[in-house]
Amino acid sequence: MEIPEATRELVDVTIRVRETSPNFFEANFAPTSPTHMARQGFTVDTRRGAKGKSLAQVLEWAEGYWRQNYPAS
């Protein structure tokens, strides 16, 4: 069984969103800079705040989350 996922590559981060079970999503953040404070990456899932009912909605939420918490310098 294939797990649905979507990826968005931005200048400073790669965001991958997966639907691990129906209506349960996780967003993985992998910064591109080796000196970024979150350089080892992190995951936010729907139990810990990710919002959305589809891959596209969660991907949009994840990009906004990244921009809010790690604004470009």
N, C-alpha and C. Protein backbone atom coordinates (compact mmCIF):
# COMPACT_ATOMS: atom_id res chain seq x y z
N MET A 1 0.84 -1.18 0.00
CA MET A 1 0.00 0.00 0.00
C MET A 1 0.88 1.24 0.00
N GLU A 2 0.64 2.12 -0.94
CA GLU A 2 1.42 3.34 -1.08
C GLU A 2 0.88 4.44 -0.16
N ILE A 3 1.78 5.11 0.53
CA ILE A 3 1.38 6.20 1.42
C ILE A 3 1.36 7.49 0.62
N PRO A 4 0.21 8.18 0.57
CA PRO A 4 0.13 9.44 -0.19
C PRO A 4 1.05 10.49 0.44
N GLU A 5 1.80 11.19 -0.42
CA GLU A 5 2.67 12.24 0.09
C GLU A 5 2.86 13.32 -0.96
N ALA A 6 3.26 14.49 -0.48
CA ALA A 6 3.54 15.64 -1.34
C ALA A 6 4.77 16.33 -0.78
N THR A 7 5.56 16.92 -1.66
CA THR A 7 6.80 17.59 -1.26
C THR A 7 6.83 18.99 -1.83
N ARG A 8 7.34 19.91 -1.04
CA ARG A 8 7.56 21.28 -1.51
C ARG A 8 8.98 21.67 -1.14
N GLU A 9 9.77 22.05 -2.13
CA GLU A 9 11.14 22.47 -1.90
C GLU A 9 11.21 23.99 -2.00
N LEU A 10 11.55 24.61 -0.89
CA LEU A 10 11.73 26.06 -0.83
C LEU A 10 13.23 26.34 -0.76
N VAL A 11 13.61 27.59 -0.81
CA VAL A 11 15.03 27.94 -0.78
C VAL A 11 15.70 27.46 0.50
N ASP A 12 15.00 27.57 1.63
CA ASP A 12 15.63 27.27 2.91
C ASP A 12 15.16 25.99 3.59
N VAL A 13 14.17 25.29 3.01
CA VAL A 13 13.66 24.08 3.65
C VAL A 13 12.97 23.19 2.61
N THR A 14 13.00 21.90 2.87
CA THR A 14 12.20 20.94 2.10
C THR A 14 11.13 20.42 3.04
N ILE A 15 9.88 20.53 2.61
CA ILE A 15 8.74 20.09 3.43
C ILE A 15 8.10 18.89 2.74
N ARG A 16 7.95 17.80 3.49
CA ARG A 16 7.29 16.61 2.97
C ARG A 16 6.09 16.30 3.86
N VAL A 17 4.92 16.19 3.24
CA VAL A 17 3.69 15.88 3.96
C VAL A 17 3.22 14.50 3.55
N ARG A 18 2.87 13.68 4.54
CA ARG A 18 2.38 12.32 4.28
C ARG A 18 1.07 12.11 5.01
N GLU A 19 0.19 11.34 4.38
CA GLU A 19 -1.05 10.92 5.04
C GLU A 19 -0.81 9.49 5.53
N THR A 20 -0.53 9.36 6.82
CA THR A 20 -0.16 8.06 7.37
C THR A 20 -1.35 7.14 7.60
N SER A 21 -2.52 7.72 7.80
CA SER A 21 -3.78 6.98 7.87
C SER A 21 -4.87 7.99 7.50
N PRO A 22 -6.10 7.54 7.23
CA PRO A 22 -7.13 8.48 6.79
C PRO A 22 -7.27 9.68 7.73
N ASN A 23 -7.13 10.87 7.16
CA ASN A 23 -7.23 12.14 7.88
C ASN A 23 -6.18 12.32 8.97
N PHE A 24 -5.08 11.62 8.91
CA PHE A 24 -3.97 11.79 9.83
C PHE A 24 -2.73 12.11 9.01
N PHE A 25 -2.17 13.28 9.23
CA PHE A 25 -1.05 13.76 8.43
C PHE A 25 0.16 14.06 9.30
N GLU A 26 1.33 14.00 8.68
CA GLU A 26 2.54 14.48 9.33
C GLU A 26 3.33 15.30 8.33
N ALA A 27 3.91 16.39 8.82
CA ALA A 27 4.73 17.27 7.99
C ALA A 27 6.17 17.18 8.49
N ASN A 28 7.09 16.83 7.60
CA ASN A 28 8.51 16.73 7.92
C ASN A 28 9.23 17.94 7.34
N PHE A 29 10.02 18.59 8.16
CA PHE A 29 10.77 19.78 7.75
C PHE A 29 12.26 19.44 7.76
N ALA A 30 12.94 19.70 6.66
CA ALA A 30 14.38 19.47 6.55
C ALA A 30 15.05 20.74 6.02
N PRO A 31 15.63 21.55 6.92
CA PRO A 31 16.30 22.77 6.48
C PRO A 31 17.47 22.46 5.55
N THR A 32 17.72 23.35 4.59
CA THR A 32 18.81 23.13 3.65
C THR A 32 20.16 23.59 4.19
N SER A 33 20.17 24.51 5.15
CA SER A 33 21.41 25.03 5.71
C SER A 33 21.93 24.12 6.83
N PRO A 34 23.22 23.75 6.76
CA PRO A 34 23.78 22.91 7.82
C PRO A 34 23.96 23.66 9.15
N THR A 35 23.80 24.99 9.14
CA THR A 35 23.95 25.77 10.36
C THR A 35 22.61 26.26 10.91
N HIS A 36 21.52 25.86 10.30
CA HIS A 36 20.20 26.29 10.78
C HIS A 36 19.93 25.70 12.16
N MET A 37 19.21 26.45 13.02
CA MET A 37 18.96 25.97 14.38
C MET A 37 18.17 24.67 14.41
N ALA A 38 17.39 24.39 13.36
CA ALA A 38 16.62 23.13 13.28
C ALA A 38 17.24 22.20 12.24
N ARG A 39 18.56 22.25 12.10
CA ARG A 39 19.26 21.55 11.01
C ARG A 39 19.04 20.05 10.96
N GLN A 40 18.67 19.43 12.07
CA GLN A 40 18.42 17.99 12.05
C GLN A 40 17.01 17.66 11.62
N GLY A 41 16.21 18.69 11.39
CA GLY A 41 14.84 18.49 10.94
C GLY A 41 13.90 18.17 12.09
N PHE A 42 12.62 18.21 11.79
CA PHE A 42 11.61 17.89 12.79
C PHE A 42 10.31 17.56 12.10
N THR A 43 9.37 17.00 12.85
CA THR A 43 8.08 16.58 12.32
C THR A 43 6.96 17.15 13.18
N VAL A 44 5.90 17.60 12.52
CA VAL A 44 4.68 18.02 13.21
C VAL A 44 3.55 17.19 12.63
N ASP A 45 2.78 16.52 13.48
CA ASP A 45 1.65 15.74 12.97
C ASP A 45 0.34 16.35 13.42
N THR A 46 -0.76 15.75 13.01
CA THR A 46 -2.08 16.33 13.30
C THR A 46 -2.40 16.31 14.79
N ARG A 47 -1.77 15.46 15.55
CA ARG A 47 -1.98 15.48 17.00
C ARG A 47 -1.25 16.64 17.65
N ARG A 48 -0.19 17.13 17.01
CA ARG A 48 0.62 18.20 17.58
C ARG A 48 0.46 19.51 16.85
N GLY A 49 -0.63 19.69 16.11
CA GLY A 49 -0.91 21.00 15.55
C GLY A 49 -1.04 21.14 14.05
N ALA A 50 -0.63 20.15 13.27
CA ALA A 50 -0.78 20.28 11.82
C ALA A 50 -2.26 20.38 11.47
N LYS A 51 -2.59 21.30 10.58
CA LYS A 51 -3.99 21.54 10.23
C LYS A 51 -4.24 21.23 8.76
N GLY A 52 -5.39 20.65 8.46
CA GLY A 52 -5.78 20.40 7.08
C GLY A 52 -6.51 19.09 6.92
N LYS A 53 -7.29 19.00 5.85
CA LYS A 53 -8.06 17.79 5.56
C LYS A 53 -7.57 17.10 4.29
N SER A 54 -6.53 17.67 3.65
CA SER A 54 -5.96 17.07 2.45
C SER A 54 -4.46 17.34 2.44
N LEU A 55 -3.74 16.64 1.57
CA LEU A 55 -2.30 16.87 1.46
C LEU A 55 -2.00 18.32 1.11
N ALA A 56 -2.76 18.88 0.17
CA ALA A 56 -2.52 20.26 -0.26
C ALA A 56 -2.74 21.24 0.89
N GLN A 57 -3.79 21.05 1.67
CA GLN A 57 -4.06 21.95 2.79
C GLN A 57 -2.97 21.85 3.85
N VAL A 58 -2.54 20.64 4.16
CA VAL A 58 -1.49 20.47 5.17
C VAL A 58 -0.17 21.04 4.66
N LEU A 59 0.11 20.90 3.37
CA LEU A 59 1.33 21.47 2.80
C LEU A 59 1.31 22.99 2.90
N GLU A 60 0.18 23.61 2.62
CA GLU A 60 0.04 25.07 2.76
C GLU A 60 0.23 25.48 4.22
N TRP A 61 -0.40 24.72 5.14
CA TRP A 61 -0.25 25.01 6.56
C TRP A 61 1.22 24.90 6.97
N ALA A 62 1.90 23.86 6.50
CA ALA A 62 3.29 23.62 6.86
C ALA A 62 4.20 24.74 6.38
N GLU A 63 3.96 25.24 5.18
CA GLU A 63 4.78 26.35 4.69
C GLU A 63 4.55 27.59 5.55
N GLY A 64 3.31 27.88 5.89
CA GLY A 64 3.00 29.01 6.77
C GLY A 64 3.63 28.84 8.14
N TYR A 65 3.59 27.63 8.67
CA TYR A 65 4.19 27.32 9.97
C TYR A 65 5.69 27.60 9.93
N TRP A 66 6.35 27.16 8.86
CA TRP A 66 7.79 27.39 8.71
C TRP A 66 8.08 28.88 8.65
N ARG A 67 7.35 29.62 7.83
CA ARG A 67 7.58 31.05 7.67
C ARG A 67 7.33 31.82 8.97
N GLN A 68 6.35 31.38 9.74
CA GLN A 68 6.05 32.06 11.00
C GLN A 68 7.13 31.79 12.05
N ASN A 69 7.60 30.58 12.14
CA ASN A 69 8.56 30.21 13.17
C ASN A 69 10.02 30.39 12.79
N TYR A 70 10.31 30.38 11.49
CA TYR A 70 11.68 30.55 11.01
C TYR A 70 11.68 31.54 9.85
N PRO A 71 11.40 32.82 10.12
CA PRO A 71 11.36 33.81 9.02
C PRO A 71 12.73 33.95 8.37
N ALA A 72 12.70 34.26 7.08
CA ALA A 72 13.96 34.45 6.34
C ALA A 72 14.72 35.63 6.94
N SER A 73 16.03 35.48 7.04
CA SER A 73 16.80 36.57 7.64
C SER A 73 17.20 37.61 6.64
